[in-house]
Amino acid sequence: MLASLNLFRQPLTFVASKWQKLVQIAGNPYRPELHYMRGPGPKWHAKYQASRLNRGL
């Protein structure tokens, strides 16, 4: 009886550990791809637009 319980418990423990890892990864609010720079911002454009207009281009 004890051996059959152990055979049943082992796969459940494996599934439970994988489920916990999945929930931990999915629940992590940090998303680094949202924080990467995507190019010059409005301050950069304002600064270099003004210098370009002053050069007479």
C-alpha atoms as a PDB file:
ATOM      1  CA  MET A   1       0.000   0.000   0.000  1.00  0.00           C
ATOM      2  CA  LEU A   2       2.805   2.412   0.908  1.00  0.00           C
ATOM      3  CA  ALA A   3       4.644   1.741  -2.376  1.00  0.00           C
ATOM      4  CA  SER A   4       1.543   2.535  -4.448  1.00  0.00           C
ATOM      5  CA  LEU A   5       1.084   5.807  -2.537  1.00  0.00           C
ATOM      6  CA  ASN A   6       4.675   6.753  -3.259  1.00  0.00           C
ATOM      7  CA  LEU A   7       4.219   6.009  -6.979  1.00  0.00           C
ATOM      8  CA  PHE A   8       1.165   8.278  -7.000  1.00  0.00           C
ATOM      9  CA  ARG A   9       2.831  11.046  -4.974  1.00  0.00           C
ATOM     10  CA  GLN A  10       5.977  11.324  -7.110  1.00  0.00           C
ATOM     11  CA  PRO A  11       4.278  12.486 -10.358  1.00  0.00           C
ATOM     12  CA  LEU A  12       2.052  14.854  -8.382  1.00  0.00           C
ATOM     13  CA  THR A  13       5.096  16.408  -6.718  1.00  0.00           C
ATOM     14  CA  PHE A  14       6.728  16.867 -10.128  1.00  0.00           C
ATOM     15  CA  VAL A  15       3.621  18.507 -11.611  1.00  0.00           C
ATOM     16  CA  ALA A  16       3.186  20.719  -8.549  1.00  0.00           C
ATOM     17  CA  SER A  17       6.782  21.963  -8.704  1.00  0.00           C
ATOM     18  CA  LYS A  18       6.490  22.743 -12.424  1.00  0.00           C
ATOM     19  CA  TRP A  19       3.177  24.533 -11.833  1.00  0.00           C
ATOM     20  CA  GLN A  20       4.709  26.660  -9.053  1.00  0.00           C
ATOM     21  CA  LYS A  21       7.621  27.617 -11.328  1.00  0.00           C
ATOM     22  CA  LEU A  22       5.208  28.585 -14.130  1.00  0.00           C
ATOM     23  CA  VAL A  23       3.107  30.728 -11.798  1.00  0.00           C
ATOM     24  CA  GLN A  24       6.259  32.368 -10.437  1.00  0.00           C
ATOM     25  CA  ILE A  25       7.507  33.248 -13.933  1.00  0.00           C
ATOM     26  CA  ALA A  26       4.112  34.410 -15.217  1.00  0.00           C
ATOM     27  CA  GLY A  27       3.459  36.526 -12.132  1.00  0.00           C
ATOM     28  CA  ASN A  28       6.752  38.428 -12.363  1.00  0.00           C
ATOM     29  CA  PRO A  29       5.831  42.050 -13.224  1.00  0.00           C
ATOM     30  CA  TYR A  30       9.336  43.017 -14.424  1.00  0.00           C
ATOM     31  CA  ARG A  31       9.434  43.115 -18.204  1.00  0.00           C
ATOM     32  CA  PRO A  32      12.861  44.372 -19.333  1.00  0.00           C
ATOM     33  CA  GLU A  33      11.816  44.665 -22.972  1.00  0.00           C
ATOM     34  CA  LEU A  34       9.474  47.490 -21.938  1.00  0.00           C
ATOM     35  CA  HIS A  35      12.382  49.548 -20.601  1.00  0.00           C
ATOM     36  CA  TYR A  36      14.769  49.462 -23.550  1.00  0.00           C
ATOM     37  CA  MET A  37      15.408  52.743 -25.318  1.00  0.00           C
ATOM     38  CA  ARG A  38      13.539  53.049 -28.591  1.00  0.00           C
ATOM     39  CA  GLY A  39      15.406  56.003 -30.041  1.00  0.00           C
ATOM     40  CA  PRO A  40      15.791  59.685 -29.336  1.00  0.00           C
ATOM     41  CA  GLY A  41      13.168  61.276 -27.155  1.00  0.00           C
ATOM     42  CA  PRO A  42      11.395  64.640 -27.393  1.00  0.00           C
ATOM     43  CA  LYS A  43      14.182  66.565 -25.632  1.00  0.00           C
ATOM     44  CA  TRP A  44      16.742  65.285 -28.113  1.00  0.00           C
ATOM     45  CA  HIS A  45      14.496  66.245 -31.049  1.00  0.00           C
ATOM     46  CA  ALA A  46      13.872  69.716 -29.623  1.00  0.00           C
ATOM     47  CA  LYS A  47      17.593  70.324 -29.096  1.00  0.00           C
ATOM     48  CA  TYR A  48      18.784  69.109 -32.492  1.00  0.00           C
ATOM     49  CA  GLN A  49      15.833  70.482 -34.445  1.00  0.00           C
ATOM     50  CA  ALA A  50      16.721  73.968 -33.150  1.00  0.00           C
ATOM     51  CA  SER A  51      20.397  73.610 -34.125  1.00  0.00           C
ATOM     52  CA  ARG A  52      19.462  72.294 -37.578  1.00  0.00           C
ATOM     53  CA  LEU A  53      17.171  75.259 -38.195  1.00  0.00           C
ATOM     54  CA  ASN A  54      19.921  77.683 -37.139  1.00  0.00           C
ATOM     55  CA  ARG A  55      22.349  76.211 -39.700  1.00  0.00           C
ATOM     56  CA  GLY A  56      20.033  77.092 -42.563  1.00  0.00           C
ATOM     57  CA  LEU A  57      19.331  73.612 -43.821  1.00  0.00           C
END
